[in-house]
Amino acid sequence: MTSKQTLSKEPYSLLNHITTNIKGEIFIDRPAKHFNTILNYIRNDSTIQLTLLPNTKEELLELKIEATYYHLPKLRKKIEYKEKLIKK
C-alpha cells in the first residue's frame, strides 16, 4: 500500500496517471518483487543510490522491465548504468 501523494511525485509516470484518473483503491496486476524499490525511488525524489538497486543481472533486468512499464526513464538509466558496472 502507498498513498496517492507518493504515486503522483513522478509527473510523467504511469502511477501518476493512474492516481489522476482513478478514484479509490486500485490494484496493479504486476509482480510485487521490485515495487518497493520503485516506491523508494519515487519517495526520494528520483534519487536512489546504486547500492539500493539489485546486484544481479537477472534482478536488474526484472527491475528495468518494471521501470519501463511504469514510465520511469531516470530509474531505467540508473539500472542500465549499474548493469554496465556488473558486466565489468
C-alpha atoms as a PDB file:
ATOM      1  CA  MET A   1       0.000   0.000   0.000  1.00  0.00           C
ATOM      2  CA  THR A   2       1.041   3.561  -0.630  1.00  0.00           C
ATOM      3  CA  SER A   3      -0.511   6.985  -0.845  1.00  0.00           C
ATOM      4  CA  LYS A   4      -1.786   8.909  -3.823  1.00  0.00           C
ATOM      5  CA  GLN A   5       0.674  11.650  -2.869  1.00  0.00           C
ATOM      6  CA  THR A   6       3.618   9.270  -3.283  1.00  0.00           C
ATOM      7  CA  LEU A   7       2.402   7.884  -6.600  1.00  0.00           C
ATOM      8  CA  SER A   8       1.920  11.365  -8.023  1.00  0.00           C
ATOM      9  CA  LYS A   9       5.520  12.507  -7.376  1.00  0.00           C
ATOM     10  CA  GLU A  10       6.761  11.395 -10.819  1.00  0.00           C
ATOM     11  CA  PRO A  11       4.647  13.574 -13.128  1.00  0.00           C
ATOM     12  CA  TYR A  12       5.009  11.523 -16.331  1.00  0.00           C
ATOM     13  CA  SER A  13       4.812   8.069 -14.799  1.00  0.00           C
ATOM     14  CA  LEU A  14       2.020   5.593 -15.266  1.00  0.00           C
ATOM     15  CA  LEU A  15       1.498   5.659 -11.494  1.00  0.00           C
ATOM     16  CA  ASN A  16       0.769   9.389 -11.568  1.00  0.00           C
ATOM     17  CA  HIS A  17      -1.569   8.895 -14.499  1.00  0.00           C
ATOM     18  CA  ILE A  18      -3.455   6.213 -12.583  1.00  0.00           C
ATOM     19  CA  THR A  19      -3.836   8.388  -9.488  1.00  0.00           C
ATOM     20  CA  THR A  20      -5.070  11.304 -11.582  1.00  0.00           C
ATOM     21  CA  ASN A  21      -7.727   9.319 -13.414  1.00  0.00           C
ATOM     22  CA  ILE A  22      -8.938   6.748 -10.890  1.00  0.00           C
ATOM     23  CA  LYS A  23     -10.600   7.340  -7.547  1.00  0.00           C
ATOM     24  CA  GLY A  24     -10.497   4.953  -4.589  1.00  0.00           C
ATOM     25  CA  GLU A  25      -8.356   1.864  -4.196  1.00  0.00           C
ATOM     26  CA  ILE A  26      -6.598   0.359  -7.184  1.00  0.00           C
ATOM     27  CA  PHE A  27      -4.994  -2.988  -7.857  1.00  0.00           C
ATOM     28  CA  ILE A  28      -1.970  -3.080 -10.135  1.00  0.00           C
ATOM     29  CA  ASP A  29      -1.579  -6.514 -11.676  1.00  0.00           C
ATOM     30  CA  ARG A  30       2.211  -6.561 -11.815  1.00  0.00           C
ATOM     31  CA  PRO A  31       4.878  -8.541  -9.954  1.00  0.00           C
ATOM     32  CA  ALA A  32       5.417  -7.114  -6.488  1.00  0.00           C
ATOM     33  CA  LYS A  33       9.058  -8.192  -6.231  1.00  0.00           C
ATOM     34  CA  HIS A  34      10.553  -4.786  -7.140  1.00  0.00           C
ATOM     35  CA  PHE A  35       7.676  -2.465  -6.290  1.00  0.00           C
ATOM     36  CA  ASN A  36       9.328  -1.352  -3.020  1.00  0.00           C
ATOM     37  CA  THR A  37      12.398  -0.251  -4.983  1.00  0.00           C
ATOM     38  CA  ILE A  38      10.162   1.702  -7.345  1.00  0.00           C
ATOM     39  CA  LEU A  39       8.314   3.334  -4.445  1.00  0.00           C
ATOM     40  CA  ASN A  40      11.588   4.233  -2.715  1.00  0.00           C
ATOM     41  CA  TYR A  41      12.816   5.777  -5.948  1.00  0.00           C
ATOM     42  CA  ILE A  42       9.649   7.883  -6.205  1.00  0.00           C
ATOM     43  CA  ARG A  43       9.615   8.783  -2.495  1.00  0.00           C
ATOM     44  CA  ASN A  44      13.187  10.037  -2.629  1.00  0.00           C
ATOM     45  CA  ASP A  45      12.517  12.479  -5.439  1.00  0.00           C
ATOM     46  CA  SER A  46      14.024  10.281  -8.130  1.00  0.00           C
ATOM     47  CA  THR A  47      17.328   9.875  -6.316  1.00  0.00           C
ATOM     48  CA  ILE A  48      18.313   6.368  -5.405  1.00  0.00           C
ATOM     49  CA  GLN A  49      21.758   5.133  -4.612  1.00  0.00           C
ATOM     50  CA  LEU A  50      23.135   2.434  -6.856  1.00  0.00           C
ATOM     51  CA  THR A  51      23.729   0.298  -3.774  1.00  0.00           C
ATOM     52  CA  LEU A  52      19.952   0.103  -3.272  1.00  0.00           C
ATOM     53  CA  LEU A  53      19.455  -1.458  -6.699  1.00  0.00           C
ATOM     54  CA  PRO A  54      19.691  -5.232  -7.153  1.00  0.00           C
ATOM     55  CA  ASN A  55      23.128  -6.762  -7.625  1.00  0.00           C
ATOM     56  CA  THR A  56      22.419  -9.451 -10.208  1.00  0.00           C
ATOM     57  CA  LYS A  57      21.875  -9.088 -13.949  1.00  0.00           C
ATOM     58  CA  GLU A  58      18.622 -11.048 -13.698  1.00  0.00           C
ATOM     59  CA  GLU A  59      17.134  -8.829 -10.986  1.00  0.00           C
ATOM     60  CA  LEU A  60      18.294  -5.665 -12.736  1.00  0.00           C
ATOM     61  CA  LEU A  61      16.559  -6.837 -15.901  1.00  0.00           C
ATOM     62  CA  GLU A  62      13.363  -7.523 -13.941  1.00  0.00           C
ATOM     63  CA  LEU A  63      13.527  -4.054 -12.386  1.00  0.00           C
ATOM     64  CA  LYS A  64      14.265  -2.452 -15.762  1.00  0.00           C
ATOM     65  CA  ILE A  65      11.144  -4.089 -17.184  1.00  0.00           C
ATOM     66  CA  GLU A  66       9.097  -2.613 -14.332  1.00  0.00           C
ATOM     67  CA  ALA A  67      10.714   0.832 -14.702  1.00  0.00           C
ATOM     68  CA  THR A  68       9.827   0.737 -18.394  1.00  0.00           C
ATOM     69  CA  TYR A  69       6.259  -0.342 -17.658  1.00  0.00           C
ATOM     70  CA  TYR A  70       5.759   2.473 -15.137  1.00  0.00           C
ATOM     71  CA  HIS A  71       7.409   5.057 -17.431  1.00  0.00           C
ATOM     72  CA  LEU A  72      10.333   5.872 -15.151  1.00  0.00           C
ATOM     73  CA  PRO A  73      13.167   6.684 -17.595  1.00  0.00           C
ATOM     74  CA  LYS A  74      15.525   8.134 -14.968  1.00  0.00           C
ATOM     75  CA  LEU A  75      15.321   4.941 -12.925  1.00  0.00           C
ATOM     76  CA  ARG A  76      15.872   2.911 -16.081  1.00  0.00           C
ATOM     77  CA  LYS A  77      19.055   4.887 -16.821  1.00  0.00           C
ATOM     78  CA  LYS A  78      20.373   4.185 -13.311  1.00  0.00           C
ATOM     79  CA  ILE A  79      19.632   0.492 -13.779  1.00  0.00           C
ATOM     80  CA  GLU A  80      21.448   0.468 -17.130  1.00  0.00           C
ATOM     81  CA  TYR A  81      24.442   2.191 -15.534  1.00  0.00           C
ATOM     82  CA  LYS A  82      24.582  -0.443 -12.797  1.00  0.00           C
ATOM     83  CA  GLU A  83      24.272  -3.192 -15.424  1.00  0.00           C
ATOM     84  CA  LYS A  84      27.428  -1.836 -17.071  1.00  0.00           C
ATOM     85  CA  LEU A  85      29.252  -1.883 -13.734  1.00  0.00           C
ATOM     86  CA  ILE A  86      28.328  -5.517 -13.186  1.00  0.00           C
ATOM     87  CA  LYS A  87      29.500  -6.521 -16.659  1.00  0.00           C
ATOM     88  CA  LYS A  88      32.992  -5.217 -15.944  1.00  0.00           C
END
